[in-house]
N, C-alpha and C. Protein backbone atom coordinates (compact mmCIF):
# COMPACT_ATOMS: atom_id res chain seq x y z
N MET A 1 -73.95 -76.68 -111.17
CA MET A 1 -73.67 -76.04 -109.92
C MET A 1 -73.57 -74.65 -109.97
N ALA A 2 -72.87 -73.89 -111.07
CA ALA A 2 -72.90 -72.54 -111.17
C ALA A 2 -74.45 -71.99 -111.24
N VAL A 3 -75.13 -72.63 -111.92
CA VAL A 3 -76.61 -72.18 -112.10
C VAL A 3 -77.31 -72.10 -110.90
N HIS A 4 -77.06 -73.15 -109.98
CA HIS A 4 -77.59 -73.25 -108.74
C HIS A 4 -77.26 -71.99 -107.81
N PHE A 5 -75.93 -71.82 -107.88
CA PHE A 5 -75.32 -70.59 -107.03
C PHE A 5 -75.98 -69.35 -107.72
N PHE A 6 -75.92 -69.16 -108.96
CA PHE A 6 -76.66 -68.03 -109.57
C PHE A 6 -78.03 -67.85 -109.00
N ALA A 7 -78.79 -68.84 -109.04
CA ALA A 7 -80.19 -68.71 -108.71
C ALA A 7 -80.46 -68.53 -107.14
N THR A 8 -79.43 -69.08 -106.36
CA THR A 8 -79.60 -68.77 -105.10
C THR A 8 -79.10 -67.43 -104.72
N THR A 9 -78.16 -67.01 -105.42
CA THR A 9 -77.70 -65.36 -105.13
C THR A 9 -78.84 -64.57 -105.44
N LEU A 10 -79.48 -64.89 -106.59
CA LEU A 10 -80.47 -63.90 -107.30
C LEU A 10 -81.65 -63.87 -106.30
N ALA A 11 -81.88 -65.11 -105.58
CA ALA A 11 -83.27 -65.11 -104.81
C ALA A 11 -82.88 -64.40 -103.53
N ILE A 12 -81.64 -64.37 -103.22
CA ILE A 12 -81.30 -63.72 -101.83
C ILE A 12 -81.27 -62.26 -102.32
N LEU A 13 -80.80 -61.61 -103.38
CA LEU A 13 -81.09 -60.24 -103.61
C LEU A 13 -82.41 -59.60 -103.95
N LEU A 14 -83.26 -60.83 -104.48
CA LEU A 14 -84.70 -60.35 -104.55
C LEU A 14 -85.34 -60.14 -103.29
N LEU A 15 -85.03 -61.14 -102.30
CA LEU A 15 -85.64 -61.02 -100.92
C LEU A 15 -85.14 -59.66 -100.19
N LEU A 16 -83.79 -59.35 -100.21
CA LEU A 16 -83.37 -58.19 -99.61
C LEU A 16 -83.84 -57.05 -100.30
N SER A 17 -84.14 -57.07 -101.54
CA SER A 17 -84.65 -55.92 -102.29
C SER A 17 -86.08 -55.65 -101.85
N ALA A 18 -86.79 -56.62 -101.63
CA ALA A 18 -88.31 -56.53 -101.27
C ALA A 18 -88.32 -56.31 -99.81
N GLU A 19 -87.41 -56.60 -98.83
CA GLU A 19 -87.50 -56.23 -97.51
C GLU A 19 -87.15 -54.59 -97.38
N MET A 20 -86.29 -54.21 -98.26
CA MET A 20 -85.83 -52.84 -98.25
C MET A 20 -86.93 -51.99 -98.58
N ALA A 21 -87.72 -52.46 -99.46
CA ALA A 21 -89.01 -51.58 -100.15
C ALA A 21 -90.07 -51.65 -99.08
N SER A 22 -89.96 -52.66 -98.30
CA SER A 22 -91.06 -52.70 -97.17
C SER A 22 -90.82 -51.83 -96.08
N ALA A 23 -89.34 -51.58 -95.73
CA ALA A 23 -89.07 -50.91 -94.77
C ALA A 23 -89.01 -49.49 -95.04
N ALA A 24 -89.01 -49.17 -96.42
CA ALA A 24 -89.18 -47.76 -96.96
C ALA A 24 -90.68 -47.35 -96.77
N GLN A 25 -91.60 -48.27 -97.02
CA GLN A 25 -92.98 -47.99 -96.94
C GLN A 25 -93.25 -47.75 -95.50
N VAL A 26 -92.79 -48.59 -94.75
CA VAL A 26 -93.23 -48.36 -93.28
C VAL A 26 -92.62 -46.93 -92.88
N SER A 27 -91.42 -46.59 -93.30
CA SER A 27 -90.83 -45.39 -92.85
C SER A 27 -91.62 -44.14 -93.46
N ARG A 28 -92.20 -44.33 -94.69
CA ARG A 28 -93.08 -43.25 -95.19
C ARG A 28 -94.31 -43.21 -94.47
N GLU A 29 -94.89 -44.24 -93.95
CA GLU A 29 -96.26 -44.28 -93.38
C GLU A 29 -96.04 -43.78 -91.96
N ARG A 30 -94.93 -43.93 -91.22
CA ARG A 30 -94.65 -43.38 -90.09
C ARG A 30 -94.70 -41.93 -90.11
N SER A 31 -93.83 -41.36 -91.18
CA SER A 31 -93.57 -39.93 -91.42
C SER A 31 -94.94 -39.52 -91.71
N VAL A 32 -95.96 -39.88 -92.61
CA VAL A 32 -97.37 -39.40 -92.51
C VAL A 32 -98.06 -39.23 -91.38
N ASP A 33 -97.90 -40.45 -90.42
CA ASP A 33 -98.49 -40.48 -89.18
C ASP A 33 -97.87 -39.45 -88.23
N GLU A 34 -96.79 -39.38 -88.26
CA GLU A 34 -96.14 -38.08 -87.38
C GLU A 34 -96.79 -36.81 -87.78
N GLN A 35 -96.67 -36.41 -89.19
CA GLN A 35 -97.21 -35.26 -89.84
C GLN A 35 -98.60 -34.92 -89.24
N VAL A 36 -99.34 -36.05 -89.34
CA VAL A 36 -100.92 -35.78 -89.16
C VAL A 36 -100.87 -35.56 -87.50
N ALA A 37 -100.25 -36.34 -86.80
CA ALA A 37 -100.26 -36.29 -85.14
C ALA A 37 -99.88 -34.69 -84.98
N ALA A 38 -98.86 -34.26 -85.58
CA ALA A 38 -98.35 -32.79 -85.22
C ALA A 38 -99.50 -31.75 -85.59
N LEU A 39 -100.15 -31.99 -86.95
CA LEU A 39 -101.07 -31.08 -87.48
C LEU A 39 -102.19 -31.26 -86.30
N VAL A 40 -102.75 -32.25 -85.91
CA VAL A 40 -103.80 -32.39 -84.97
C VAL A 40 -103.49 -31.62 -83.61
N GLU A 41 -102.32 -31.41 -83.34
CA GLU A 41 -102.08 -30.86 -82.30
C GLU A 41 -102.10 -29.26 -82.57
N LYS A 42 -101.74 -28.88 -83.66
CA LYS A 42 -101.73 -27.47 -84.08
C LYS A 42 -103.20 -27.10 -84.41
N MET A 43 -104.02 -27.95 -84.60
CA MET A 43 -105.40 -27.70 -84.78
C MET A 43 -106.02 -27.01 -83.74
N LEU A 44 -105.65 -27.28 -82.44
CA LEU A 44 -106.16 -27.11 -81.09
C LEU A 44 -106.03 -25.36 -80.86
N ASN A 45 -105.04 -24.96 -81.71
CA ASN A 45 -104.53 -23.53 -81.52
C ASN A 45 -105.39 -22.50 -82.68
N LYS A 46 -106.44 -21.78 -81.99
CA LYS A 46 -107.23 -20.88 -82.82
C LYS A 46 -106.54 -20.22 -83.99
N LYS A 47 -105.13 -19.78 -83.74
CA LYS A 47 -104.55 -19.05 -84.75
C LYS A 47 -104.03 -20.05 -85.90
N THR A 48 -103.84 -21.37 -85.74
CA THR A 48 -103.13 -22.02 -86.71
C THR A 48 -104.37 -23.12 -87.37
N GLU A 49 -105.61 -23.26 -86.72
CA GLU A 49 -106.62 -24.01 -86.92
C GLU A 49 -106.99 -24.15 -88.54
N ARG A 50 -107.12 -22.96 -88.98
CA ARG A 50 -107.77 -23.01 -90.50
C ARG A 50 -106.59 -23.40 -91.41
N GLN A 51 -105.31 -23.04 -90.96
CA GLN A 51 -104.20 -23.47 -92.10
C GLN A 51 -103.98 -24.91 -91.95
N VAL A 52 -104.25 -25.54 -90.75
CA VAL A 52 -103.89 -26.89 -90.52
C VAL A 52 -104.76 -27.74 -91.42
N PHE A 53 -106.17 -27.30 -91.29
CA PHE A 53 -107.00 -28.21 -92.23
C PHE A 53 -106.61 -28.23 -93.71
N SER A 54 -106.06 -27.02 -94.29
CA SER A 54 -105.60 -27.11 -95.41
C SER A 54 -104.13 -27.77 -95.75
N GLN A 55 -103.62 -27.97 -94.66
CA GLN A 55 -102.32 -28.75 -94.70
C GLN A 55 -102.53 -30.15 -94.64
N LEU A 56 -103.49 -30.54 -93.73
CA LEU A 56 -104.23 -32.21 -93.92
C LEU A 56 -104.67 -32.41 -95.21
N GLU A 57 -105.36 -31.65 -95.88
CA GLU A 57 -105.96 -32.07 -97.16
C GLU A 57 -104.82 -32.06 -98.13
N ALA A 58 -103.47 -31.11 -97.98
CA ALA A 58 -102.56 -31.16 -98.87
C ALA A 58 -101.74 -32.57 -98.73
N LEU A 59 -101.94 -33.29 -97.59
CA LEU A 59 -101.32 -34.47 -97.54
C LEU A 59 -101.81 -35.66 -98.33
N GLY A 60 -102.84 -35.47 -98.85
CA GLY A 60 -103.66 -36.25 -99.86
C GLY A 60 -103.92 -37.71 -99.28
N CYS A 61 -103.99 -38.62 -100.05
CA CYS A 61 -104.72 -39.80 -99.97
C CYS A 61 -103.61 -40.68 -98.92
N PRO A 62 -102.32 -40.43 -98.91
CA PRO A 62 -101.69 -41.27 -97.85
C PRO A 62 -101.67 -40.93 -96.42
N ALA A 63 -102.53 -39.70 -96.25
CA ALA A 63 -102.63 -39.48 -94.75
C ALA A 63 -104.05 -40.01 -94.38
N VAL A 64 -105.05 -40.52 -95.05
CA VAL A 64 -106.10 -41.04 -94.80
C VAL A 64 -106.22 -41.94 -93.59
N PRO A 65 -105.17 -42.90 -93.75
CA PRO A 65 -105.31 -44.04 -92.38
C PRO A 65 -104.89 -43.01 -91.06
N ALA A 66 -103.96 -42.47 -91.34
CA ALA A 66 -103.49 -41.64 -90.03
C ALA A 66 -104.61 -40.75 -89.57
N ILE A 67 -105.48 -40.03 -90.31
CA ILE A 67 -106.36 -39.24 -90.05
C ILE A 67 -107.56 -39.97 -89.26
N ILE A 68 -107.87 -41.15 -89.97
CA ILE A 68 -108.95 -41.96 -89.38
C ILE A 68 -108.66 -42.33 -88.05
N GLN A 69 -107.44 -42.84 -87.85
CA GLN A 69 -107.04 -43.34 -86.42
C GLN A 69 -107.20 -42.09 -85.70
N ARG A 70 -107.35 -40.93 -85.82
CA ARG A 70 -107.53 -39.92 -84.80
C ARG A 70 -108.84 -39.52 -84.82
N MET A 71 -109.76 -39.99 -85.51
CA MET A 71 -111.33 -39.42 -85.66
C MET A 71 -112.02 -39.70 -84.41
N ASP A 72 -111.61 -40.27 -83.37
CA ASP A 72 -112.37 -40.39 -82.25
C ASP A 72 -111.78 -39.39 -81.09
N ASP A 73 -110.77 -38.41 -81.62
CA ASP A 73 -110.38 -37.54 -80.53
C ASP A 73 -111.37 -36.57 -80.28
N ARG A 74 -111.84 -36.43 -79.02
CA ARG A 74 -112.91 -35.72 -78.65
C ARG A 74 -112.63 -34.24 -78.11
N ARG A 75 -111.48 -33.88 -78.25
CA ARG A 75 -110.97 -32.56 -77.89
C ARG A 75 -111.95 -31.53 -78.70
N ILE A 76 -112.17 -30.50 -78.03
CA ILE A 76 -112.85 -29.45 -78.70
C ILE A 76 -112.02 -28.42 -79.28
N LEU A 77 -112.38 -28.06 -80.71
CA LEU A 77 -111.88 -27.13 -81.32
C LEU A 77 -112.17 -25.74 -81.10
N SER A 78 -111.35 -24.76 -81.34
CA SER A 78 -111.61 -23.30 -80.97
C SER A 78 -112.45 -22.86 -81.80
N ASN A 79 -112.59 -23.35 -83.00
CA ASN A 79 -113.60 -22.79 -84.26
C ASN A 79 -114.55 -24.13 -84.37
N LEU A 80 -115.78 -24.04 -84.12
CA LEU A 80 -116.63 -25.31 -84.45
C LEU A 80 -117.16 -25.43 -85.73
N HIS A 81 -117.01 -24.49 -86.59
CA HIS A 81 -117.36 -24.52 -88.02
C HIS A 81 -116.15 -24.89 -89.04
N ILE A 82 -116.49 -25.71 -90.02
CA ILE A 82 -115.35 -25.98 -91.02
C ILE A 82 -115.94 -25.40 -92.38
N ALA A 83 -115.29 -24.52 -93.09
CA ALA A 83 -115.58 -24.29 -94.33
C ALA A 83 -115.10 -25.29 -95.37
């Protein structure tokens, strides 16, 4: 009886832990997505455009999905050349 209770309690704790880890991952992804969205808006300003490209690169691999989601954005950049 005590072993069954212990196993059930352990299973519940493991499920809660997995759910919390998943929620934290979603929160990080949302945060990166929000950062990318804000940087894309700043990219339209000629004064901040070059700096924004560096900031996007600095976000690294976690930002790639958010960047790809915005690749179909057809707004014209102030500087049409990227170094």
